[in-house]
Structures are given as structure tokens and as C-alpha cells.
């Protein structure tokens, strides 16, 4: 993306408005957002009473009628886990161009497989309570925030306005790119020096693009502050950085499991009766994951669940 294109996107997000010829969509006020949320709830409740399926109900109905495979839920989870696994491998193999090429191909195929799996459900999502309620919410907001030639605009065909508004919402990939761009970083890094990040309007909330840009800007700040901060090349690669996120998450979970072990038997090498025990019985209602406590356990201690029931 050229620098002038970056600046146009950044400044349009800062302005918060959506322009199309003589049509202007302004940010909603907090009061309007409250009424829109109320509109969503009322529309959802009405659609449930009328017999429209929820998203979960649609999924179950499609499985029962073989429009989705019986293993849909498991297959979707496995496909998502596979994508995460490939992203981790991208980070782990970041220094091997040959491995990266193969992994990127695998990732593309894995995403296509997931898309094929959920495509039938996506094609019928418009028949759900969630879709109906969300549409009513969007219509309410746009009817109250759209102007033409500085006058409130109520077109006969609201779909035209909805398309303009939806096309203005940036994808996650686009937002992440802008959050890393020199155009935005020069603004973000100098915030607090007498200027506003975004145009202020009375009683208005952040737009979707503004909220997403702030979120990713803070995420990248947190990455830079991490003791395991990856290289700039990794940060600039969304999939590889996602792999780094997942690996860091695994590390935190493993550390939490180690703390659980130590809280039960004491630190490694500590001379205590519990540490010397061959088996430790834990109450079932304490919520311990017995398998995770035993996994990687290099001590002779084995954790077991207390299955005895006292009358």
C-alpha cells in the first residue's frame, strides 16, 4: 500500500465518517447505540417467538438433515486446531525458507478446507434469529446517522446504504497493517501532546474501525514490551505472529500447571512427605485436571482422582 493510501485510510478512520458522493454516515451517539442494542434484543425475541431458528438451532437442524456432516462440530474444531498448529510451525521454522513455503501452502489449504466445511451453514445464516436481529439493529443505526446534502436521509432502498457502510469496515488484516504503518505510528506514538487521536463529537462512541485500530495498536505495544519480543519480520507477518501468540499462550498454560503441581507437592527437590509420596489423591470437586498434572511429571508422584463416595 502506498503512503498516500495509508494516510487516506488513517485519516478517514480518525474522522469517523463514511462518505459516498453527497451521502455522509456519521458515528452513532451512545444513546443511539443503546437504542440499537434494545432494537436487537426486541427483534431477537420476536424472531424466536415466531419460530425462526437460532444459529445453534440451524446448525443442529442442518446436521440432522445431512446438510452438514454429523461430525461437523468435531471437524470444525479439528480444522481450527490444525490452522493454529500450522501457525505455530510457521514461527518455529521462521529461519527456513523451504519449510515456510510448504507451511504457507498447507495453511492456505487448511483455510480452504475450513471454509468449505462451514460454507453450507454460512449460506443459510440469513435464516437465523441472529441475522434478523443484527439487520434490524444496523437499519436503525443507519436511519439515524445517514445524511444527504446535510439533511437526514431515509432512502427507499436501505440496502444501498448498508452496502456503503459495510464496505467501509476494514478487515482484521487491513487494521493490523495500518496499526503497524509509519503513518499511524507517528500519530499513535505522539498521543497525549495536545491533539486528539480521533475527531470528538458530543456523546459519540468509537466506530468499529477506531476500536479495532486502538486494540491492535495496544497489542503491538504489549508485544514490544514482552521479554520474548519477536523480530520485526515476525511482527509484520500476521500468521507467524499469531503462531508466536499461540506459543506464548501454551507457555503460560504450562507454567500454570507447574504452579499447580508445586502447590500440591512442593517445589522440585523439596524434602517433604508429599514430595516423597507415590500417589496423591485429589477430591473430584476441586476441579484439578489430573491428566495435565501427570503429563510431563518427572517425579515419582502420581496424581489420581478420589472416586470414593462417602454416604
C-alpha atoms as a PDB file:
ATOM      1  CA  UNK A   1       0.000   0.000   0.000  1.00  0.00           C
ATOM      2  CA  UNK A   2       1.331   3.440  -0.937  1.00  0.00           C
ATOM      3  CA  UNK A   3       1.931   6.029   1.759  1.00  0.00           C
ATOM      4  CA  UNK A   4      -0.822   8.285   0.430  1.00  0.00           C
ATOM      5  CA  UNK A   5      -3.267   5.361   0.557  1.00  0.00           C
ATOM      6  CA  UNK A   6      -2.228   4.623   4.141  1.00  0.00           C
ATOM      7  CA  UNK A   7      -2.776   8.252   5.107  1.00  0.00           C
ATOM      8  CA  UNK A   8      -6.192   8.379   3.454  1.00  0.00           C
ATOM      9  CA  UNK A   9      -7.352   5.319   5.378  1.00  0.00           C
ATOM     10  CA  UNK A  10      -5.861   6.502   8.664  1.00  0.00           C
ATOM     11  CA  UNK A  11      -7.389   9.975   8.383  1.00  0.00           C
ATOM     12  CA  UNK A  12     -10.763   8.574   7.361  1.00  0.00           C
ATOM     13  CA  UNK A  13     -10.724   6.408  10.488  1.00  0.00           C
ATOM     14  CA  UNK A  14      -9.745   9.419  12.588  1.00  0.00           C
ATOM     15  CA  UNK A  15     -12.617  11.421  11.094  1.00  0.00           C
ATOM     16  CA  UNK A  16     -15.005   8.580  11.874  1.00  0.00           C
ATOM     17  CA  UNK A  17     -17.344   9.368   8.979  1.00  0.00           C
ATOM     18  CA  UNK A  18     -18.195   7.380   5.873  1.00  0.00           C
ATOM     19  CA  UNK A  19     -18.576   9.423   2.678  1.00  0.00           C
ATOM     20  CA  UNK A  20     -20.044   8.413  -0.663  1.00  0.00           C
ATOM     21  CA  UNK A  21     -20.578  11.315  -3.051  1.00  0.00           C
ATOM     22  CA  UNK A  22     -23.122  13.555  -1.257  1.00  0.00           C
ATOM     23  CA  UNK A  23     -24.015  10.897   1.336  1.00  0.00           C
ATOM     24  CA  UNK A  24     -22.484  11.074   4.808  1.00  0.00           C
ATOM     25  CA  UNK A  25     -22.734   8.482   7.574  1.00  0.00           C
ATOM     26  CA  UNK A  26     -21.707   9.871  10.970  1.00  0.00           C
ATOM     27  CA  UNK A  27     -20.768   7.962  14.141  1.00  0.00           C
ATOM     28  CA  UNK A  28     -23.703   6.963  16.344  1.00  0.00           C
ATOM     29  CA  UNK A  29     -24.205   8.577  19.720  1.00  0.00           C
ATOM     30  CA  UNK A  30     -24.124   6.467  22.867  1.00  0.00           C
ATOM     31  CA  UNK A  31     -27.883   6.961  23.218  1.00  0.00           C
ATOM     32  CA  UNK A  32     -28.417   5.703  19.681  1.00  0.00           C
ATOM     33  CA  UNK A  33     -26.203   2.701  20.350  1.00  0.00           C
ATOM     34  CA  UNK A  34     -28.255   1.924  23.457  1.00  0.00           C
ATOM     35  CA  UNK A  35     -31.486   2.059  21.469  1.00  0.00           C
ATOM     36  CA  UNK A  36     -29.875  -0.054  18.743  1.00  0.00           C
ATOM     37  CA  UNK A  37     -28.948  -2.695  21.310  1.00  0.00           C
ATOM     38  CA  UNK A  38     -32.536  -2.614  22.544  1.00  0.00           C
ATOM     39  CA  UNK A  39     -33.739  -2.966  18.946  1.00  0.00           C
ATOM     40  CA  UNK A  40     -31.542  -6.056  18.577  1.00  0.00           C
ATOM     41  CA  UNK A  41     -32.968  -7.692  21.708  1.00  0.00           C
ATOM     42  CA  UNK A  42     -36.563  -6.964  20.741  1.00  0.00           C
ATOM     43  CA  UNK A  43     -36.027  -8.255  17.203  1.00  0.00           C
ATOM     44  CA  UNK A  44     -34.297 -11.382  18.501  1.00  0.00           C
ATOM     45  CA  UNK A  45     -37.098 -12.114  20.969  1.00  0.00           C
ATOM     46  CA  UNK A  46     -39.738 -11.621  18.262  1.00  0.00           C
ATOM     47  CA  UNK A  47     -37.936 -13.921  15.858  1.00  0.00           C
ATOM     48  CA  UNK A  48     -37.627 -16.647  18.499  1.00  0.00           C
ATOM     49  CA  UNK A  49     -41.357 -16.448  19.223  1.00  0.00           C
ATOM     50  CA  UNK A  50     -42.138 -16.599  15.503  1.00  0.00           C
ATOM     51  CA  UNK A  51     -40.243 -19.884  15.209  1.00  0.00           C
ATOM     52  CA  UNK A  52     -37.099 -18.653  13.479  1.00  0.00           C
ATOM     53  CA  UNK A  53     -34.069 -20.786  14.279  1.00  0.00           C
ATOM     54  CA  UNK A  54     -31.122 -19.541  16.292  1.00  0.00           C
ATOM     55  CA  UNK A  55     -27.644 -20.047  14.848  1.00  0.00           C
ATOM     56  CA  UNK A  56     -27.127 -23.059  17.102  1.00  0.00           C
ATOM     57  CA  UNK A  57     -30.546 -24.418  16.157  1.00  0.00           C
ATOM     58  CA  UNK A  58     -29.748 -24.007  12.467  1.00  0.00           C
ATOM     59  CA  UNK A  59     -26.533 -25.942  12.923  1.00  0.00           C
ATOM     60  CA  UNK A  60     -28.343 -28.815  14.661  1.00  0.00           C
ATOM     61  CA  UNK A  61     -31.095 -28.842  12.022  1.00  0.00           C
ATOM     62  CA  UNK A  62     -28.589 -28.944   9.173  1.00  0.00           C
ATOM     63  CA  UNK A  63     -26.730 -31.844  10.806  1.00  0.00           C
ATOM     64  CA  UNK A  64     -29.974 -33.759  11.353  1.00  0.00           C
ATOM     65  CA  UNK A  65     -30.924 -33.224   7.701  1.00  0.00           C
ATOM     66  CA  UNK A  66     -27.450 -34.166   6.410  1.00  0.00           C
ATOM     67  CA  UNK A  67     -26.819 -30.647   5.101  1.00  0.00           C
ATOM     68  CA  UNK A  68     -23.789 -30.697   7.356  1.00  0.00           C
ATOM     69  CA  UNK A  69     -21.757 -33.790   8.281  1.00  0.00           C
ATOM     70  CA  UNK A  70     -22.606 -35.468  11.590  1.00  0.00           C
ATOM     71  CA  UNK A  71     -19.035 -34.803  12.681  1.00  0.00           C
ATOM     72  CA  UNK A  72     -19.367 -31.086  11.854  1.00  0.00           C
ATOM     73  CA  UNK A  73     -18.582 -29.746  15.327  1.00  0.00           C
ATOM     74  CA  UNK A  74     -15.568 -32.025  15.802  1.00  0.00           C
ATOM     75  CA  UNK A  75     -14.373 -31.456  12.231  1.00  0.00           C
ATOM     76  CA  UNK A  76     -14.600 -27.686  12.632  1.00  0.00           C
ATOM     77  CA  UNK A  77     -12.634 -27.813  15.891  1.00  0.00           C
ATOM     78  CA  UNK A  78     -10.002 -30.062  14.317  1.00  0.00           C
ATOM     79  CA  UNK A  79      -9.713 -27.744  11.298  1.00  0.00           C
ATOM     80  CA  UNK A  80      -9.291 -24.691  13.548  1.00  0.00           C
ATOM     81  CA  UNK A  81      -6.709 -26.531  15.671  1.00  0.00           C
ATOM     82  CA  UNK A  82      -4.852 -27.544  12.514  1.00  0.00           C
ATOM     83  CA  UNK A  83      -4.666 -23.910  11.381  1.00  0.00           C
ATOM     84  CA  UNK A  84      -3.314 -22.918  14.795  1.00  0.00           C
ATOM     85  CA  UNK A  85      -0.756 -25.733  14.652  1.00  0.00           C
ATOM     86  CA  UNK A  86       0.484 -24.593  11.243  1.00  0.00           C
ATOM     87  CA  UNK A  87       0.808 -21.018  12.512  1.00  0.00           C
ATOM     88  CA  UNK A  88       2.959 -22.266  15.388  1.00  0.00           C
ATOM     89  CA  UNK A  89       5.122 -24.167  12.918  1.00  0.00           C
ATOM     90  CA  UNK A  90       5.488 -21.006  10.839  1.00  0.00           C
ATOM     91  CA  UNK A  91       7.062 -19.277  13.813  1.00  0.00           C
ATOM     92  CA  UNK A  92       9.201 -22.264  14.799  1.00  0.00           C
ATOM     93  CA  UNK A  93      10.524 -22.609  11.231  1.00  0.00           C
ATOM     94  CA  UNK A  94      10.888 -18.882  10.555  1.00  0.00           C
ATOM     95  CA  UNK A  95      14.543 -19.269   9.549  1.00  0.00           C
ATOM     96  CA  UNK A  96      13.877 -21.941   6.905  1.00  0.00           C
ATOM     97  CA  UNK A  97      12.599 -20.552   3.616  1.00  0.00           C
ATOM     98  CA  UNK A  98      11.895 -24.062   2.287  1.00  0.00           C
ATOM     99  CA  UNK A  99       9.805 -25.002   5.321  1.00  0.00           C
ATOM    100  CA  UNK A 100       7.972 -21.683   5.252  1.00  0.00           C
ATOM    101  CA  UNK A 101       6.952 -22.145   1.631  1.00  0.00           C
ATOM    102  CA  UNK A 102       5.477 -25.572   2.364  1.00  0.00           C
ATOM    103  CA  UNK A 103       3.782 -24.377   5.549  1.00  0.00           C
ATOM    104  CA  UNK A 104       2.163 -21.393   3.834  1.00  0.00           C
ATOM    105  CA  UNK A 105       0.765 -23.758   1.217  1.00  0.00           C
ATOM    106  CA  UNK A 106      -0.530 -26.038   3.963  1.00  0.00           C
ATOM    107  CA  UNK A 107      -2.120 -23.066   5.724  1.00  0.00           C
ATOM    108  CA  UNK A 108      -3.866 -21.965   2.548  1.00  0.00           C
ATOM    109  CA  UNK A 109      -5.250 -25.463   2.053  1.00  0.00           C
ATOM    110  CA  UNK A 110      -6.311 -25.743   5.693  1.00  0.00           C
ATOM    111  CA  UNK A 111      -8.221 -22.476   5.477  1.00  0.00           C
ATOM    112  CA  UNK A 112      -9.894 -23.577   2.257  1.00  0.00           C
ATOM    113  CA  UNK A 113     -10.915 -26.854   3.918  1.00  0.00           C
ATOM    114  CA  UNK A 114     -12.436 -24.993   6.874  1.00  0.00           C
ATOM    115  CA  UNK A 115     -14.212 -22.590   4.536  1.00  0.00           C
ATOM    116  CA  UNK A 116     -15.683 -25.486   2.554  1.00  0.00           C
ATOM    117  CA  UNK A 117     -16.867 -27.081   5.784  1.00  0.00           C
ATOM    118  CA  UNK A 118     -18.736 -24.045   7.097  1.00  0.00           C
ATOM    119  CA  UNK A 119     -19.870 -22.692   3.728  1.00  0.00           C
ATOM    120  CA  UNK A 120     -23.259 -24.510   3.751  1.00  0.00           C
ATOM    121  CA  UNK A 121     -24.067 -23.063   7.166  1.00  0.00           C
ATOM    122  CA  UNK A 122     -22.945 -19.594   6.100  1.00  0.00           C
ATOM    123  CA  UNK A 123     -25.255 -19.748   3.093  1.00  0.00           C
ATOM    124  CA  UNK A 124     -28.254 -20.253   5.389  1.00  0.00           C
ATOM    125  CA  UNK A 125     -27.252 -17.885   8.182  1.00  0.00           C
ATOM    126  CA  UNK A 126     -29.713 -15.275   6.868  1.00  0.00           C
ATOM    127  CA  UNK A 127     -32.494 -17.515   8.182  1.00  0.00           C
ATOM    128  CA  UNK A 128     -31.422 -17.176  11.818  1.00  0.00           C
ATOM    129  CA  UNK A 129     -32.609 -15.015  14.692  1.00  0.00           C
ATOM    130  CA  UNK A 130     -29.116 -13.510  14.985  1.00  0.00           C
ATOM    131  CA  UNK A 131     -29.096 -12.363  11.369  1.00  0.00           C
ATOM    132  CA  UNK A 132     -32.587 -10.847  11.582  1.00  0.00           C
ATOM    133  CA  UNK A 133     -31.821  -9.038  14.837  1.00  0.00           C
ATOM    134  CA  UNK A 134     -28.450  -7.730  13.632  1.00  0.00           C
ATOM    135  CA  UNK A 135     -30.039  -6.462  10.415  1.00  0.00           C
ATOM    136  CA  UNK A 136     -32.713  -4.569  12.354  1.00  0.00           C
ATOM    137  CA  UNK A 137     -30.022  -3.064  14.578  1.00  0.00           C
ATOM    138  CA  UNK A 138     -27.972  -1.879  11.584  1.00  0.00           C
ATOM    139  CA  UNK A 139     -31.047  -0.444   9.858  1.00  0.00           C
ATOM    140  CA  UNK A 140     -31.969   1.521  12.973  1.00  0.00           C
ATOM    141  CA  UNK A 141     -28.465   2.969  13.286  1.00  0.00           C
ATOM    142  CA  UNK A 142     -28.143   3.909   9.625  1.00  0.00           C
ATOM    143  CA  UNK A 143     -31.585   5.505   9.537  1.00  0.00           C
ATOM    144  CA  UNK A 144     -30.443   7.813  12.322  1.00  0.00           C
ATOM    145  CA  UNK A 145     -26.879   8.514  11.212  1.00  0.00           C
ATOM    146  CA  UNK A 146     -27.132   8.912   7.424  1.00  0.00           C
ATOM    147  CA  UNK A 147     -27.339  12.349   5.785  1.00  0.00           C
ATOM    148  CA  UNK A 148     -27.634  13.534   2.188  1.00  0.00           C
ATOM    149  CA  UNK A 149     -26.816  17.131   1.365  1.00  0.00           C
ATOM    150  CA  UNK A 150     -26.701  17.762   5.132  1.00  0.00           C
ATOM    151  CA  UNK A 151     -30.283  16.551   5.600  1.00  0.00           C
ATOM    152  CA  UNK A 152     -31.357  13.320   7.317  1.00  0.00           C
ATOM    153  CA  UNK A 153     -31.632  10.707   4.595  1.00  0.00           C
ATOM    154  CA  UNK A 154     -34.193   7.866   4.510  1.00  0.00           C
ATOM    155  CA  UNK A 155     -33.788   6.068   1.185  1.00  0.00           C
ATOM    156  CA  UNK A 156     -36.411   3.668  -0.067  1.00  0.00           C
ATOM    157  CA  UNK A 157     -33.730   1.040  -0.555  1.00  0.00           C
ATOM    158  CA  UNK A 158     -31.746   0.867   2.690  1.00  0.00           C
ATOM    159  CA  UNK A 159     -29.604  -1.957   1.239  1.00  0.00           C
ATOM    160  CA  UNK A 160     -27.669   0.657  -0.728  1.00  0.00           C
ATOM    161  CA  UNK A 161     -26.671   2.453   2.484  1.00  0.00           C
ATOM    162  CA  UNK A 162     -25.917  -0.813   4.265  1.00  0.00           C
ATOM    163  CA  UNK A 163     -23.504  -1.763   1.469  1.00  0.00           C
ATOM    164  CA  UNK A 164     -21.730   1.605   1.714  1.00  0.00           C
ATOM    165  CA  UNK A 165     -21.367   1.231   5.470  1.00  0.00           C
ATOM    166  CA  UNK A 166     -20.233  -2.413   5.374  1.00  0.00           C
ATOM    167  CA  UNK A 167     -17.640  -1.703   2.692  1.00  0.00           C
ATOM    168  CA  UNK A 168     -16.104   0.924   4.987  1.00  0.00           C
ATOM    169  CA  UNK A 169     -15.342  -1.622   7.720  1.00  0.00           C
ATOM    170  CA  UNK A 170     -11.751  -2.774   7.382  1.00  0.00           C
ATOM    171  CA  UNK A 171     -10.737  -6.409   7.674  1.00  0.00           C
ATOM    172  CA  UNK A 172      -8.523  -7.526  10.532  1.00  0.00           C
ATOM    173  CA  UNK A 173      -5.618  -7.852   8.103  1.00  0.00           C
ATOM    174  CA  UNK A 174      -6.086  -4.250   6.952  1.00  0.00           C
ATOM    175  CA  UNK A 175      -6.367  -2.918  10.501  1.00  0.00           C
ATOM    176  CA  UNK A 176      -3.261  -4.777  11.622  1.00  0.00           C
ATOM    177  CA  UNK A 177      -1.358  -3.371   8.644  1.00  0.00           C
ATOM    178  CA  UNK A 178      -2.431   0.179   9.487  1.00  0.00           C
ATOM    179  CA  UNK A 179      -1.569  -0.295  13.180  1.00  0.00           C
ATOM    180  CA  UNK A 180       1.999  -1.120  12.092  1.00  0.00           C
ATOM    181  CA  UNK A 181       2.213   1.576   9.417  1.00  0.00           C
ATOM    182  CA  UNK A 182       4.548   4.531   9.850  1.00  0.00           C
ATOM    183  CA  UNK A 183       1.638   6.879   9.098  1.00  0.00           C
ATOM    184  CA  UNK A 184      -0.383   5.709  12.098  1.00  0.00           C
ATOM    185  CA  UNK A 185       2.576   5.029  14.400  1.00  0.00           C
ATOM    186  CA  UNK A 186       3.742   8.634  14.036  1.00  0.00           C
ATOM    187  CA  UNK A 187       0.333   9.670  15.379  1.00  0.00           C
ATOM    188  CA  UNK A 188      -0.036   6.905  17.958  1.00  0.00           C
ATOM    189  CA  UNK A 189       3.435   7.385  19.472  1.00  0.00           C
ATOM    190  CA  UNK A 190       2.824  11.111  19.953  1.00  0.00           C
ATOM    191  CA  UNK A 191      -0.644  10.826  21.509  1.00  0.00           C
ATOM    192  CA  UNK A 192      -1.196  12.993  24.538  1.00  0.00           C
ATOM    193  CA  UNK A 193       0.667  16.001  23.128  1.00  0.00           C
ATOM    194  CA  UNK A 194      -2.312  18.286  22.703  1.00  0.00           C
ATOM    195  CA  UNK A 195      -4.183  16.607  19.870  1.00  0.00           C
ATOM    196  CA  UNK A 196      -6.969  14.025  19.584  1.00  0.00           C
ATOM    197  CA  UNK A 197      -6.471  10.616  18.042  1.00  0.00           C
ATOM    198  CA  UNK A 198      -9.999  10.791  16.668  1.00  0.00           C
ATOM    199  CA  UNK A 199     -12.399  13.632  15.946  1.00  0.00           C
ATOM    200  CA  UNK A 200     -14.512  14.354  19.005  1.00  0.00           C
ATOM    201  CA  UNK A 201     -18.272  14.552  18.693  1.00  0.00           C
ATOM    202  CA  UNK A 202     -20.720  15.089  21.505  1.00  0.00           C
ATOM    203  CA  UNK A 203     -21.880  11.850  23.135  1.00  0.00           C
ATOM    204  CA  UNK A 204     -20.492   9.599  20.391  1.00  0.00           C
ATOM    205  CA  UNK A 205     -18.743   6.273  20.830  1.00  0.00           C
ATOM    206  CA  UNK A 206     -15.782   4.900  18.907  1.00  0.00           C
ATOM    207  CA  UNK A 207     -16.526   3.488  15.460  1.00  0.00           C
ATOM    208  CA  UNK A 208     -15.738  -0.148  14.666  1.00  0.00           C
ATOM    209  CA  UNK A 209     -12.589   0.819  12.767  1.00  0.00           C
ATOM    210  CA  UNK A 210     -11.436   3.146  15.554  1.00  0.00           C
ATOM    211  CA  UNK A 211     -11.977   0.490  18.201  1.00  0.00           C
ATOM    212  CA  UNK A 212     -10.138  -2.158  16.196  1.00  0.00           C
ATOM    213  CA  UNK A 213      -7.241   0.169  15.396  1.00  0.00           C
ATOM    214  CA  UNK A 214      -6.839   1.055  19.085  1.00  0.00           C
ATOM    215  CA  UNK A 215      -6.980  -2.609  20.087  1.00  0.00           C
ATOM    216  CA  UNK A 216      -4.241  -3.667  17.675  1.00  0.00           C
ATOM    217  CA  UNK A 217      -2.102  -0.634  18.486  1.00  0.00           C
ATOM    218  CA  UNK A 218      -2.136  -1.683  22.148  1.00  0.00           C
ATOM    219  CA  UNK A 219      -1.430  -5.289  21.195  1.00  0.00           C
ATOM    220  CA  UNK A 220       1.676  -4.268  19.251  1.00  0.00           C
ATOM    221  CA  UNK A 221       2.790  -2.078  22.158  1.00  0.00           C
ATOM    222  CA  UNK A 222       2.463  -5.057  24.505  1.00  0.00           C
ATOM    223  CA  UNK A 223       4.470  -7.215  22.113  1.00  0.00           C
ATOM    224  CA  UNK A 224       7.310  -4.682  22.103  1.00  0.00           C
ATOM    225  CA  UNK A 225       7.314  -4.733  25.915  1.00  0.00           C
ATOM    226  CA  UNK A 226       7.476  -8.538  26.091  1.00  0.00           C
ATOM    227  CA  UNK A 227      10.748 -10.089  27.255  1.00  0.00           C
ATOM    228  CA  UNK A 228      10.280 -12.592  24.405  1.00  0.00           C
ATOM    229  CA  UNK A 229       9.543  -9.909  21.816  1.00  0.00           C
ATOM    230  CA  UNK A 230       9.842 -11.395  18.316  1.00  0.00           C
ATOM    231  CA  UNK A 231      11.720  -9.756  15.465  1.00  0.00           C
ATOM    232  CA  UNK A 232      10.228  -7.053  13.252  1.00  0.00           C
ATOM    233  CA  UNK A 233       9.926  -9.607  10.454  1.00  0.00           C
ATOM    234  CA  UNK A 234       7.726 -11.809  12.628  1.00  0.00           C
ATOM    235  CA  UNK A 235       5.602  -8.882  13.805  1.00  0.00           C
ATOM    236  CA  UNK A 236       4.979  -7.871  10.178  1.00  0.00           C
ATOM    237  CA  UNK A 237       3.776 -11.393   9.308  1.00  0.00           C
ATOM    238  CA  UNK A 238       0.242 -11.855  10.712  1.00  0.00           C
ATOM    239  CA  UNK A 239       0.214 -15.657  10.542  1.00  0.00           C
ATOM    240  CA  UNK A 240       3.678 -16.033  12.004  1.00  0.00           C
ATOM    241  CA  UNK A 241       2.870 -13.570  14.779  1.00  0.00           C
ATOM    242  CA  UNK A 242      -0.318 -15.498  15.516  1.00  0.00           C
ATOM    243  CA  UNK A 243       1.913 -18.549  15.915  1.00  0.00           C
ATOM    244  CA  UNK A 244       4.034 -16.618  18.419  1.00  0.00           C
ATOM    245  CA  UNK A 245       0.858 -15.658  20.332  1.00  0.00           C
ATOM    246  CA  UNK A 246      -0.224 -19.309  20.481  1.00  0.00           C
ATOM    247  CA  UNK A 247       3.194 -20.495  21.643  1.00  0.00           C
ATOM    248  CA  UNK A 248       3.244 -17.843  24.379  1.00  0.00           C
ATOM    249  CA  UNK A 249      -0.234 -18.981  25.438  1.00  0.00           C
ATOM    250  CA  UNK A 250       0.970 -22.592  25.636  1.00  0.00           C
ATOM    251  CA  UNK A 251       3.908 -21.488  27.779  1.00  0.00           C
ATOM    252  CA  UNK A 252       1.637 -19.621  30.202  1.00  0.00           C
ATOM    253  CA  UNK A 253      -0.671 -22.621  30.497  1.00  0.00           C
ATOM    254  CA  UNK A 254       2.266 -24.953  31.112  1.00  0.00           C
ATOM    255  CA  UNK A 255       3.650 -22.620  33.774  1.00  0.00           C
ATOM    256  CA  UNK A 256       0.224 -22.547  35.442  1.00  0.00           C
ATOM    257  CA  UNK A 257       0.192 -26.371  35.509  1.00  0.00           C
ATOM    258  CA  UNK A 258       3.656 -26.393  37.065  1.00  0.00           C
ATOM    259  CA  UNK A 259       2.434 -23.985  39.746  1.00  0.00           C
ATOM    260  CA  UNK A 260      -0.493 -26.323  40.405  1.00  0.00           C
ATOM    261  CA  UNK A 261       1.918 -29.223  40.876  1.00  0.00           C
ATOM    262  CA  UNK A 262       4.125 -27.229  43.219  1.00  0.00           C
ATOM    263  CA  UNK A 263       1.133 -26.110  45.260  1.00  0.00           C
ATOM    264  CA  UNK A 264       0.292 -29.799  45.807  1.00  0.00           C
ATOM    265  CA  UNK A 265       3.692 -31.461  46.299  1.00  0.00           C
ATOM    266  CA  UNK A 266       6.030 -28.526  46.804  1.00  0.00           C
ATOM    267  CA  UNK A 267       8.885 -27.282  44.574  1.00  0.00           C
ATOM    268  CA  UNK A 268      11.084 -29.800  42.770  1.00  0.00           C
ATOM    269  CA  UNK A 269      13.682 -31.254  45.095  1.00  0.00           C
ATOM    270  CA  UNK A 270      11.957 -30.130  48.274  1.00  0.00           C
ATOM    271  CA  UNK A 271      12.275 -32.706  51.044  1.00  0.00           C
ATOM    272  CA  UNK A 272       8.681 -33.167  52.182  1.00  0.00           C
ATOM    273  CA  UNK A 273       6.393 -36.097  52.851  1.00  0.00           C
ATOM    274  CA  UNK A 274       4.116 -35.030  49.998  1.00  0.00           C
ATOM    275  CA  UNK A 275       7.019 -34.854  47.541  1.00  0.00           C
ATOM    276  CA  UNK A 276       8.026 -38.409  48.534  1.00  0.00           C
ATOM    277  CA  UNK A 277       4.523 -39.799  48.077  1.00  0.00           C
ATOM    278  CA  UNK A 278       3.997 -42.289  45.289  1.00  0.00           C
ATOM    279  CA  UNK A 279       0.345 -41.312  44.805  1.00  0.00           C
ATOM    280  CA  UNK A 280      -1.632 -38.200  45.661  1.00  0.00           C
ATOM    281  CA  UNK A 281      -5.433 -38.460  45.773  1.00  0.00           C
ATOM    282  CA  UNK A 282      -7.354 -35.290  44.934  1.00  0.00           C
ATOM    283  CA  UNK A 283     -11.048 -34.578  45.546  1.00  0.00           C
ATOM    284  CA  UNK A 284     -13.048 -34.677  42.309  1.00  0.00           C
ATOM    285  CA  UNK A 285     -14.862 -31.441  43.138  1.00  0.00           C
ATOM    286  CA  UNK A 286     -11.659 -29.368  43.300  1.00  0.00           C
ATOM    287  CA  UNK A 287     -11.532 -29.010  39.509  1.00  0.00           C
ATOM    288  CA  UNK A 288      -7.994 -30.326  39.004  1.00  0.00           C
ATOM    289  CA  UNK A 289      -7.083 -31.648  35.554  1.00  0.00           C
ATOM    290  CA  UNK A 290      -5.466 -34.916  36.656  1.00  0.00           C
ATOM    291  CA  UNK A 291      -4.097 -35.806  33.214  1.00  0.00           C
ATOM    292  CA  UNK A 292      -2.390 -32.429  32.860  1.00  0.00           C
ATOM    293  CA  UNK A 293      -0.820 -32.734  36.321  1.00  0.00           C
ATOM    294  CA  UNK A 294       0.638 -36.124  35.421  1.00  0.00           C
ATOM    295  CA  UNK A 295       1.774 -35.049  31.944  1.00  0.00           C
ATOM    296  CA  UNK A 296       5.477 -34.293  31.948  1.00  0.00           C
ATOM    297  CA  UNK A 297       5.711 -35.209  35.605  1.00  0.00           C
ATOM    298  CA  UNK A 298       9.327 -36.293  36.127  1.00  0.00           C
ATOM    299  CA  UNK A 299       8.849 -37.103  39.810  1.00  0.00           C
ATOM    300  CA  UNK A 300       7.623 -40.491  41.152  1.00  0.00           C
ATOM    301  CA  UNK A 301       4.425 -38.831  42.352  1.00  0.00           C
ATOM    302  CA  UNK A 302       1.244 -39.843  40.527  1.00  0.00           C
ATOM    303  CA  UNK A 303      -1.935 -37.783  40.862  1.00  0.00           C
ATOM    304  CA  UNK A 304      -5.210 -39.654  40.999  1.00  0.00           C
ATOM    305  CA  UNK A 305      -8.823 -38.573  41.452  1.00  0.00           C
ATOM    306  CA  UNK A 306     -10.574 -39.557  44.667  1.00  0.00           C
ATOM    307  CA  UNK A 307     -13.524 -41.531  43.316  1.00  0.00           C
ATOM    308  CA  UNK A 308     -14.723 -42.724  46.682  1.00  0.00           C
ATOM    309  CA  UNK A 309     -18.238 -41.644  47.541  1.00  0.00           C
ATOM    310  CA  UNK A 310     -18.968 -41.173  51.194  1.00  0.00           C
ATOM    311  CA  UNK A 311     -22.507 -41.944  52.316  1.00  0.00           C
END
